[in-house]
PDB file of N, CA and C in Angstrom:
ATOM      1  N   UNK A   1      83.297  93.021  84.062  1.00  0.00           N
ATOM      2  CA  UNK A   1      84.054  91.832  84.451  1.00  0.00           C
ATOM      3  C   UNK A   1      85.197  92.259  85.365  1.00  0.00           C
ATOM      4  N   UNK A   2      85.227  91.798  86.604  1.00  0.00           N
ATOM      5  CA  UNK A   2      86.237  92.284  87.554  1.00  0.00           C
ATOM      6  C   UNK A   2      87.644  91.772  87.296  1.00  0.00           C
ATOM      7  N   UNK A   3      87.845  90.780  86.439  1.00  0.00           N
ATOM      8  CA  UNK A   3      89.163  90.199  86.246  1.00  0.00           C
ATOM      9  C   UNK A   3      89.843  90.653  84.965  1.00  0.00           C
ATOM     10  N   UNK A   4      89.347  91.693  84.325  1.00  0.00           N
ATOM     11  CA  UNK A   4      89.965  92.189  83.086  1.00  0.00           C
ATOM     12  C   UNK A   4      91.210  93.023  83.329  1.00  0.00           C
ATOM     13  N   UNK A   5      91.471  93.368  84.541  1.00  0.00           N
ATOM     14  CA  UNK A   5      92.575  94.271  84.851  1.00  0.00           C
ATOM     15  C   UNK A   5      93.935  93.580  84.898  1.00  0.00           C
ATOM     16  N   UNK A   6      93.999  92.301  84.585  1.00  0.00           N
ATOM     17  CA  UNK A   6      95.246  91.564  84.713  1.00  0.00           C
ATOM     18  C   UNK A   6      96.225  91.908  83.598  1.00  0.00           C
ATOM     19  N   UNK A   7      97.466  92.107  84.016  1.00  0.00           N
ATOM     20  CA  UNK A   7      98.564  92.287  83.093  1.00  0.00           C
ATOM     21  C   UNK A   7      99.622  91.250  83.437  1.00  0.00           C
ATOM     22  N   UNK A   8     100.698  91.228  82.680  1.00  0.00           N
ATOM     23  CA  UNK A   8     101.721  90.210  82.882  1.00  0.00           C
ATOM     24  C   UNK A   8     102.364  90.206  84.252  1.00  0.00           C
ATOM     25  N   UNK A   9     102.509  91.362  84.889  1.00  0.00           N
ATOM     26  CA  UNK A   9     103.229  91.412  86.159  1.00  0.00           C
ATOM     27  C   UNK A   9     102.301  91.339  87.364  1.00  0.00           C
ATOM     28  N   UNK A  10     101.001  91.281  87.180  1.00  0.00           N
ATOM     29  CA  UNK A  10     100.073  91.244  88.304  1.00  0.00           C
ATOM     30  C   UNK A  10      99.704  89.807  88.643  1.00  0.00           C
ATOM     31  N   UNK A  11      98.822  89.656  89.608  1.00  0.00           N
ATOM     32  CA  UNK A  11      98.341  88.328  89.973  1.00  0.00           C
ATOM     33  C   UNK A  11      97.727  87.644  88.763  1.00  0.00           C
ATOM     34  N   UNK A  12      97.938  86.357  88.676  1.00  0.00           N
ATOM     35  CA  UNK A  12      97.282  85.637  87.601  1.00  0.00           C
ATOM     36  C   UNK A  12      95.844  85.353  88.018  1.00  0.00           C
ATOM     37  N   UNK A  13      95.024  85.022  87.064  1.00  0.00           N
ATOM     38  CA  UNK A  13      93.598  84.818  87.315  1.00  0.00           C
ATOM     39  C   UNK A  13      93.363  83.757  88.380  1.00  0.00           C
ATOM     40  N   UNK A  14      94.114  82.682  88.363  1.00  0.00           N
ATOM     41  CA  UNK A  14      93.958  81.610  89.348  1.00  0.00           C
ATOM     42  C   UNK A  14      94.153  82.128  90.771  1.00  0.00           C
ATOM     43  N   UNK A  15      95.164  82.981  90.957  1.00  0.00           N
ATOM     44  CA  UNK A  15      95.419  83.540  92.284  1.00  0.00           C
ATOM     45  C   UNK A  15      94.291  84.472  92.720  1.00  0.00           C
ATOM     46  N   UNK A  16      93.828  85.274  91.793  1.00  0.00           N
ATOM     47  CA  UNK A  16      92.736  86.203  92.115  1.00  0.00           C
ATOM     48  C   UNK A  16      91.460  85.432  92.471  1.00  0.00           C
ATOM     49  N   UNK A  17      91.185  84.370  91.741  1.00  0.00           N
ATOM     50  CA  UNK A  17      90.009  83.545  92.038  1.00  0.00           C
ATOM     51  C   UNK A  17      90.146  82.849  93.388  1.00  0.00           C
ATOM     52  N   UNK A  18      91.344  82.405  93.726  1.00  0.00           N
ATOM     53  CA  UNK A  18      91.569  81.771  95.025  1.00  0.00           C
ATOM     54  C   UNK A  18      91.325  82.760  96.159  1.00  0.00           C
ATOM     55  N   UNK A  19      91.750  83.992  95.985  1.00  0.00           N
ATOM     56  CA  UNK A  19      91.503  85.017  96.999  1.00  0.00           C
ATOM     57  C   UNK A  19      90.006  85.280  97.126  1.00  0.00           C
ATOM     58  N   UNK A  20      89.310  85.320  96.002  1.00  0.00           N
ATOM     59  CA  UNK A  20      87.861  85.526  96.052  1.00  0.00           C
ATOM     60  C   UNK A  20      87.149  84.367  96.746  1.00  0.00           C
ATOM     61  N   UNK A  21      87.594  83.139  96.499  1.00  0.00           N
ATOM     62  CA  UNK A  21      86.991  81.987  97.184  1.00  0.00           C
ATOM     63  C   UNK A  21      87.227  82.070  98.687  1.00  0.00           C
ATOM     64  N   UNK A  22      88.406  82.506  99.078  1.00  0.00           N
ATOM     65  CA  UNK A  22      88.714  82.655 100.497  1.00  0.00           C
ATOM     66  C   UNK A  22      87.835  83.729 101.129  1.00  0.00           C
ATOM     67  N   UNK A  23      87.619  84.816 100.409  1.00  0.00           N
ATOM     68  CA  UNK A  23      86.753  85.885 100.919  1.00  0.00           C
ATOM     69  C   UNK A  23      85.329  85.377 101.106  1.00  0.00           C
ATOM     70  N   UNK A  24      84.828  84.622 100.143  1.00  0.00           N
ATOM     71  CA  UNK A  24      83.478  84.065 100.259  1.00  0.00           C
ATOM     72  C   UNK A  24      83.382  83.052 101.401  1.00  0.00           C
ATOM     73  N   UNK A  25      84.416  82.254 101.590  1.00  0.00           N
ATOM     74  CA  UNK A  25      84.424  81.307 102.708  1.00  0.00           C
ATOM     75  C   UNK A  25      84.414  82.052 104.034  1.00  0.00           C
ATOM     76  N   UNK A  26      85.110  83.187 104.094  1.00  0.00           N
ATOM     77  CA  UNK A  26      85.119  84.012 105.290  1.00  0.00           C
ATOM     78  C   UNK A  26      83.715  84.538 105.586  1.00  0.00           C
ATOM     79  N   UNK A  27      83.003  84.951 104.551  1.00  0.00           N
ATOM     80  CA  UNK A  27      81.630  85.427 104.744  1.00  0.00           C
ATOM     81  C   UNK A  27      80.719  84.307 105.218  1.00  0.00           C
ATOM     82  N   UNK A  28      80.873  83.115 104.656  1.00  0.00           N
ATOM     83  CA  UNK A  28      80.053  81.975 105.093  1.00  0.00           C
ATOM     84  C   UNK A  28      80.327  81.632 106.549  1.00  0.00           C
ATOM     85  N   UNK A  29      81.587  81.703 106.945  1.00  0.00           N
ATOM     86  CA  UNK A  29      81.935  81.416 108.330  1.00  0.00           C
ATOM     87  C   UNK A  29      81.297  82.428 109.267  1.00  0.00           C
ATOM     88  N   UNK A  30      81.319  83.704 108.886  1.00  0.00           N
ATOM     89  CA  UNK A  30      80.670  84.721 109.714  1.00  0.00           C
ATOM     90  C   UNK A  30      79.178  84.450 109.826  1.00  0.00           C
ATOM     91  N   UNK A  31      78.544  84.095 108.718  1.00  0.00           N
ATOM     92  CA  UNK A  31      77.109  83.800 108.764  1.00  0.00           C
ATOM     93  C   UNK A  31      76.815  82.592 109.652  1.00  0.00           C
ATOM     94  N   UNK A  32      77.718  81.633 109.708  1.00  0.00           N
ATOM     95  CA  UNK A  32      77.543  80.486 110.603  1.00  0.00           C
ATOM     96  C   UNK A  32      77.622  80.913 112.062  1.00  0.00           C
ATOM     97  N   UNK A  33      78.577  81.780 112.376  1.00  0.00           N
ATOM     98  CA  UNK A  33      78.658  82.315 113.738  1.00  0.00           C
ATOM     99  C   UNK A  33      77.380  83.082 114.081  1.00  0.00           C
ATOM    100  N   UNK A  34      76.913  83.881 113.152  1.00  0.00           N
ATOM    101  CA  UNK A  34      75.704  84.660 113.381  1.00  0.00           C
ATOM    102  C   UNK A  34      74.495  83.750 113.583  1.00  0.00           C
ATOM    103  N   UNK A  35      74.379  82.722 112.764  1.00  0.00           N
ATOM    104  CA  UNK A  35      73.262  81.781 112.896  1.00  0.00           C
ATOM    105  C   UNK A  35      73.294  81.086 114.249  1.00  0.00           C
ATOM    106  N   UNK A  36      74.475  80.688 114.697  1.00  0.00           N
ATOM    107  CA  UNK A  36      74.607  80.029 115.991  1.00  0.00           C
ATOM    108  C   UNK A  36      74.242  80.976 117.128  1.00  0.00           C
ATOM    109  N   UNK A  37      74.710  82.224 117.043  1.00  0.00           N
ATOM    110  CA  UNK A  37      74.387  83.205 118.080  1.00  0.00           C
ATOM    111  C   UNK A  37      72.890  83.475 118.137  1.00  0.00           C
ATOM    112  N   UNK A  38      72.255  83.593 116.988  1.00  0.00           N
ATOM    113  CA  UNK A  38      70.809  83.822 116.975  1.00  0.00           C
ATOM    114  C   UNK A  38      70.047  82.625 117.532  1.00  0.00           C
ATOM    115  N   UNK A  39      70.501  81.424 117.223  1.00  0.00           N
ATOM    116  CA  UNK A  39      69.850  80.227 117.763  1.00  0.00           C
ATOM    117  C   UNK A  39      69.962  80.189 119.284  1.00  0.00           C
ATOM    118  N   UNK A  40      71.135  80.490 119.803  1.00  0.00           N
ATOM    119  CA  UNK A  40      71.310  80.523 121.250  1.00  0.00           C
ATOM    120  C   UNK A  40      70.430  81.591 121.892  1.00  0.00           C
ATOM    121  N   UNK A  41      70.307  82.743 121.247  1.00  0.00           N
ATOM    122  CA  UNK A  41      69.462  83.808 121.790  1.00  0.00           C
ATOM    123  C   UNK A  41      67.989  83.412 121.761  1.00  0.00           C
ATOM    124  N   UNK A  42      67.558  82.736 120.718  1.00  0.00           N
ATOM    125  CA  UNK A  42      66.166  82.286 120.634  1.00  0.00           C
ATOM    126  C   UNK A  42      65.874  81.244 121.713  1.00  0.00           C
ATOM    127  N   UNK A  43      66.807  80.332 121.928  1.00  0.00           N
ATOM    128  CA  UNK A  43      66.625  79.337 122.984  1.00  0.00           C
ATOM    129  C   UNK A  43      66.536  80.031 124.343  1.00  0.00           C
ATOM    130  N   UNK A  44      67.390  81.011 124.555  1.00  0.00           N
ATOM    131  CA  UNK A  44      67.358  81.750 125.824  1.00  0.00           C
ATOM    132  C   UNK A  44      66.034  82.480 125.995  1.00  0.00           C
ATOM    133  N   UNK A  45      65.566  83.116 124.951  1.00  0.00           N
ATOM    134  CA  UNK A  45      64.285  83.815 125.030  1.00  0.00           C
ATOM    135  C   UNK A  45      63.128  82.869 125.281  1.00  0.00           C
ATOM    136  N   UNK A  46      63.172  81.710 124.673  1.00  0.00           N
ATOM    137  CA  UNK A  46      62.122  80.715 124.879  1.00  0.00           C
ATOM    138  C   UNK A  46      62.127  80.214 126.318  1.00  0.00           C
ATOM    139  N   UNK A  47      63.312  79.935 126.841  1.00  0.00           N
ATOM    140  CA  UNK A  47      63.400  79.499 128.237  1.00  0.00           C
ATOM    141  C   UNK A  47      62.870  80.570 129.182  1.00  0.00           C
ATOM    142  N   UNK A  48      63.232  81.819 128.909  1.00  0.00           N
ATOM    143  CA  UNK A  48      62.755  82.913 129.765  1.00  0.00           C
ATOM    144  C   UNK A  48      61.240  83.032 129.692  1.00  0.00           C
ATOM    145  N   UNK A  49      60.682  82.866 128.518  1.00  0.00           N
ATOM    146  CA  UNK A  49      59.246  83.017 128.341  1.00  0.00           C
ATOM    147  C   UNK A  49      58.461  81.858 128.981  1.00  0.00           C
ATOM    148  N   UNK A  50      58.949  80.646 128.789  1.00  0.00           N
ATOM    149  CA  UNK A  50      58.208  79.492 129.290  1.00  0.00           C
ATOM    150  C   UNK A  50      58.421  79.206 130.773  1.00  0.00           C
ATOM    151  N   UNK A  51      59.628  79.478 131.254  1.00  0.00           N
ATOM    152  CA  UNK A  51      59.968  79.106 132.631  1.00  0.00           C
ATOM    153  C   UNK A  51      60.405  80.311 133.455  1.00  0.00           C
ATOM    154  N   UNK A  52      59.748  81.436 133.303  1.00  0.00           N
ATOM    155  CA  UNK A  52      60.167  82.657 133.993  1.00  0.00           C
ATOM    156  C   UNK A  52      60.019  82.560 135.508  1.00  0.00           C
ATOM    157  N   UNK A  53      59.269  81.586 136.003  1.00  0.00           N
ATOM    158  CA  UNK A  53      59.082  81.457 137.447  1.00  0.00           C
ATOM    159  C   UNK A  53      60.032  80.435 138.085  1.00  0.00           C
ATOM    160  N   UNK A  54      60.887  79.806 137.299  1.00  0.00           N
ATOM    161  CA  UNK A  54      61.838  78.826 137.822  1.00  0.00           C
ATOM    162  C   UNK A  54      63.248  79.401 137.750  1.00  0.00           C
ATOM    163  N   UNK A  55      63.873  79.647 138.902  1.00  0.00           N
ATOM    164  CA  UNK A  55      65.189  80.308 138.927  1.00  0.00           C
ATOM    165  C   UNK A  55      66.282  79.552 138.165  1.00  0.00           C
ATOM    166  N   UNK A  56      66.233  78.222 138.206  1.00  0.00           N
ATOM    167  CA  UNK A  56      67.259  77.454 137.500  1.00  0.00           C
ATOM    168  C   UNK A  56      67.173  77.670 135.992  1.00  0.00           C
ATOM    169  N   UNK A  57      65.957  77.697 135.462  1.00  0.00           N
ATOM    170  CA  UNK A  57      65.784  77.916 134.023  1.00  0.00           C
ATOM    171  C   UNK A  57      66.130  79.351 133.627  1.00  0.00           C
ATOM    172  N   UNK A  58      65.837  80.292 134.492  1.00  0.00           N
ATOM    173  CA  UNK A  58      66.211  81.687 134.211  1.00  0.00           C
ATOM    174  C   UNK A  58      67.737  81.810 134.166  1.00  0.00           C
ATOM    175  N   UNK A  59      68.417  81.137 135.099  1.00  0.00           N
ATOM    176  CA  UNK A  59      69.884  81.153 135.093  1.00  0.00           C
ATOM    177  C   UNK A  59      70.423  80.499 133.822  1.00  0.00           C
ATOM    178  N   UNK A  60      69.794  79.412 133.404  1.00  0.00           N
ATOM    179  CA  UNK A  60      70.206  78.756 132.161  1.00  0.00           C
ATOM    180  C   UNK A  60      69.975  79.672 130.953  1.00  0.00           C
ATOM    181  N   UNK A  61      68.870  80.384 130.954  1.00  0.00           N
ATOM    182  CA  UNK A  61      68.587  81.322 129.861  1.00  0.00           C
ATOM    183  C   UNK A  61      69.630  82.435 129.816  1.00  0.00           C
ATOM    184  N   UNK A  62      70.010  82.939 130.975  1.00  0.00           N
ATOM    185  CA  UNK A  62      71.048  83.980 131.020  1.00  0.00           C
ATOM    186  C   UNK A  62      72.365  83.426 130.490  1.00  0.00           C
ATOM    187  N   UNK A  63      72.646  82.178 130.815  1.00  0.00           N
ATOM    188  CA  UNK A  63      73.857  81.530 130.298  1.00  0.00           C
ATOM    189  C   UNK A  63      73.812  81.430 128.775  1.00  0.00           C
ATOM    190  N   UNK A  64      72.644  81.083 128.224  1.00  0.00           N
ATOM    191  CA  UNK A  64      72.504  81.020 126.769  1.00  0.00           C
ATOM    192  C   UNK A  64      72.656  82.398 126.122  1.00  0.00           C
ATOM    193  N   UNK A  65      72.116  83.440 126.761  1.00  0.00           N
ATOM    194  CA  UNK A  65      72.292  84.796 126.238  1.00  0.00           C
ATOM    195  C   UNK A  65      73.773  85.180 126.219  1.00  0.00           C
ATOM    196  N   UNK A  66      74.482  84.838 127.299  1.00  0.00           N
ATOM    197  CA  UNK A  66      75.914  85.143 127.359  1.00  0.00           C
ATOM    198  C   UNK A  66      76.674  84.373 126.274  1.00  0.00           C
ATOM    199  N   UNK A  67      76.315  83.112 126.077  1.00  0.00           N
ATOM    200  CA  UNK A  67      76.975  82.311 125.035  1.00  0.00           C
ATOM    201  C   UNK A  67      76.696  82.891 123.653  1.00  0.00           C
ATOM    202  N   UNK A  68      75.479  83.392 123.441  1.00  0.00           N
ATOM    203  CA  UNK A  68      75.143  84.012 122.159  1.00  0.00           C
ATOM    204  C   UNK A  68      75.994  85.255 121.921  1.00  0.00           C
ATOM    205  N   UNK A  69      76.164  86.066 122.960  1.00  0.00           N
ATOM    206  CA  UNK A  69      76.978  87.273 122.828  1.00  0.00           C
ATOM    207  C   UNK A  69      78.436  86.924 122.535  1.00  0.00           C
ATOM    208  N   UNK A  70      78.963  85.933 123.245  1.00  0.00           N
ATOM    209  CA  UNK A  70      80.355  85.512 123.020  1.00  0.00           C
ATOM    210  C   UNK A  70      80.527  84.966 121.611  1.00  0.00           C
ATOM    211  N   UNK A  71      79.579  84.170 121.155  1.00  0.00           N
ATOM    212  CA  UNK A  71      79.646  83.601 119.807  1.00  0.00           C
ATOM    213  C   UNK A  71      79.635  84.708 118.747  1.00  0.00           C
ATOM    214  N   UNK A  72      78.775  85.695 118.931  1.00  0.00           N
ATOM    215  CA  UNK A  72      78.703  86.796 117.976  1.00  0.00           C
ATOM    216  C   UNK A  72      80.000  87.602 117.962  1.00  0.00           C
ATOM    217  N   UNK A  73      80.531  87.909 119.134  1.00  0.00           N
ATOM    218  CA  UNK A  73      81.771  88.695 119.217  1.00  0.00           C
ATOM    219  C   UNK A  73      82.938  87.921 118.608  1.00  0.00           C
ATOM    220  N   UNK A  74      83.010  86.612 118.872  1.00  0.00           N
ATOM    221  CA  UNK A  74      84.070  85.803 118.261  1.00  0.00           C
ATOM    222  C   UNK A  74      83.961  85.810 116.745  1.00  0.00           C
ATOM    223  N   UNK A  75      82.743  85.684 116.235  1.00  0.00           N
ATOM    224  CA  UNK A  75      82.547  85.697 114.791  1.00  0.00           C
ATOM    225  C   UNK A  75      82.981  87.005 114.162  1.00  0.00           C
ATOM    226  N   UNK A  76      82.629  88.115 114.805  1.00  0.00           N
ATOM    227  CA  UNK A  76      83.014  89.432 114.282  1.00  0.00           C
ATOM    228  C   UNK A  76      84.531  89.585 114.307  1.00  0.00           C
ATOM    229  N   UNK A  77      85.148  89.214 115.420  1.00  0.00           N
ATOM    230  CA  UNK A  77      86.613  89.354 115.528  1.00  0.00           C
ATOM    231  C   UNK A  77      87.348  88.487 114.509  1.00  0.00           C
ATOM    232  N   UNK A  78      86.924  87.248 114.356  1.00  0.00           N
ATOM    233  CA  UNK A  78      87.582  86.366 113.393  1.00  0.00           C
ATOM    234  C   UNK A  78      87.375  86.852 111.956  1.00  0.00           C
ATOM    235  N   UNK A  79      86.187  87.354 111.665  1.00  0.00           N
ATOM    236  CA  UNK A  79      85.918  87.850 110.318  1.00  0.00           C
ATOM    237  C   UNK A  79      86.767  89.078 110.010  1.00  0.00           C
ATOM    238  N   UNK A  80      86.851  89.992 110.952  1.00  0.00           N
ATOM    239  CA  UNK A  80      87.668  91.193 110.743  1.00  0.00           C
ATOM    240  C   UNK A  80      89.136  90.824 110.567  1.00  0.00           C
ATOM    241  N   UNK A  81      89.632  89.904 111.390  1.00  0.00           N
ATOM    242  CA  UNK A  81      91.025  89.477 111.274  1.00  0.00           C
ATOM    243  C   UNK A  81      91.327  88.830 109.935  1.00  0.00           C
ATOM    244  N   UNK A  82      90.451  87.950 109.496  1.00  0.00           N
ATOM    245  CA  UNK A  82      90.679  87.280 108.212  1.00  0.00           C
ATOM    246  C   UNK A  82      90.549  88.258 107.049  1.00  0.00           C
ATOM    247  N   UNK A  83      89.615  89.208 107.141  1.00  0.00           N
ATOM    248  CA  UNK A  83      89.462  90.213 106.089  1.00  0.00           C
ATOM    249  C   UNK A  83      90.731  91.046 105.958  1.00  0.00           C
ATOM    250  N   UNK A  84      91.324  91.401 107.082  1.00  0.00           N
ATOM    251  CA  UNK A  84      92.593  92.155 107.046  1.00  0.00           C
ATOM    252  C   UNK A  84      93.694  91.337 106.387  1.00  0.00           C
ATOM    253  N   UNK A  85      93.754  90.051 106.707  1.00  0.00           N
ATOM    254  CA  UNK A  85      94.780  89.202 106.099  1.00  0.00           C
ATOM    255  C   UNK A  85      94.567  89.060 104.592  1.00  0.00           C
ATOM    256  N   UNK A  86      93.321  88.926 104.178  1.00  0.00           N
ATOM    257  CA  UNK A  86      93.030  88.804 102.746  1.00  0.00           C
ATOM    258  C   UNK A  86      93.428  90.089 102.023  1.00  0.00           C
ATOM    259  N   UNK A  87      93.094  91.238 102.604  1.00  0.00           N
ATOM    260  CA  UNK A  87      93.486  92.515 101.985  1.00  0.00           C
ATOM    261  C   UNK A  87      94.991  92.646 101.915  1.00  0.00           C
ATOM    262  N   UNK A  88      95.687  92.200 102.962  1.00  0.00           N
ATOM    263  CA  UNK A  88      97.141  92.279 102.970  1.00  0.00           C
ATOM    264  C   UNK A  88      97.733  91.417 101.854  1.00  0.00           C
ATOM    265  N   UNK A  89      97.230  90.197 101.700  1.00  0.00           N
ATOM    266  CA  UNK A  89      97.735  89.299 100.653  1.00  0.00           C
ATOM    267  C   UNK A  89      97.478  89.910  99.278  1.00  0.00           C
ATOM    268  N   UNK A  90      96.297  90.424  99.082  1.00  0.00           N
ATOM    269  CA  UNK A  90      95.969  91.014  97.763  1.00  0.00           C
ATOM    270  C   UNK A  90      96.848  92.225  97.502  1.00  0.00           C
ATOM    271  N   UNK A  91      97.091  93.049  98.509  1.00  0.00           N
ATOM    272  CA  UNK A  91      97.917  94.245  98.333  1.00  0.00           C
ATOM    273  C   UNK A  91      99.386  93.883  98.107  1.00  0.00           C
ATOM    274  N   UNK A  92      99.896  92.938  98.891  1.00  0.00           N
ATOM    275  CA  UNK A  92     101.309  92.563  98.794  1.00  0.00           C
ATOM    276  C   UNK A  92     101.606  91.775  97.518  1.00  0.00           C
ATOM    277  N   UNK A  93     100.630  91.115  96.960  1.00  0.00           N
ATOM    278  CA  UNK A  93     100.873  90.314  95.749  1.00  0.00           C
ATOM    279  C   UNK A  93     100.977  91.190  94.521  1.00  0.00           C
ATOM    280  N   UNK A  94     100.462  92.403  94.583  1.00  0.00           N
ATOM    281  CA  UNK A  94     100.553  93.326  93.445  1.00  0.00           C
ATOM    282  C   UNK A  94     101.987  93.822  93.336  1.00  0.00           C
ATOM    283  N   UNK A  95     102.446  94.155  92.150  1.00  0.00           N
ATOM    284  CA  UNK A  95     103.799  94.699  92.005  1.00  0.00           C
ATOM    285  C   UNK A  95     103.893  96.065  92.668  1.00  0.00           C
ATOM    286  N   UNK A  96     105.060  96.410  93.169  1.00  0.00           N
ATOM    287  CA  UNK A  96     105.229  97.660  93.897  1.00  0.00           C
ATOM    288  C   UNK A  96     105.104  98.894  92.998  1.00  0.00           C
ATOM    289  N   UNK A  97     105.252  98.736  91.714  1.00  0.00           N
ATOM    290  CA  UNK A  97     105.171  99.877  90.801  1.00  0.00           C
ATOM    291  C   UNK A  97     103.758 100.318  90.480  1.00  0.00           C
ATOM    292  N   UNK A  98     102.748  99.538  90.824  1.00  0.00           N
ATOM    293  CA  UNK A  98     101.376  99.915  90.454  1.00  0.00           C
ATOM    294  C   UNK A  98     100.644 100.582  91.577  1.00  0.00           C
TER     295      UNK A  98
END
């Protein structure tokens, strides 16, 4: 049981559970970014496969690939930033003597 370590001067269970919910929400958000990036990449690949002889569609496919890359990078950056903030809150909430 991960919550047995609580003592009187540490985070209370409610606070620890709130931090865990925030961490899980952060993971869900990253998975949403990943799902969106993969969808954009699949659309781009489909356009390239079906319309490889039409320059306008190839340009649109390249645009979708670029959007997929940007979406993935944004998701990674936001997830890393939020993970750092969650770790900081958990570390700072502990008493300095432990």
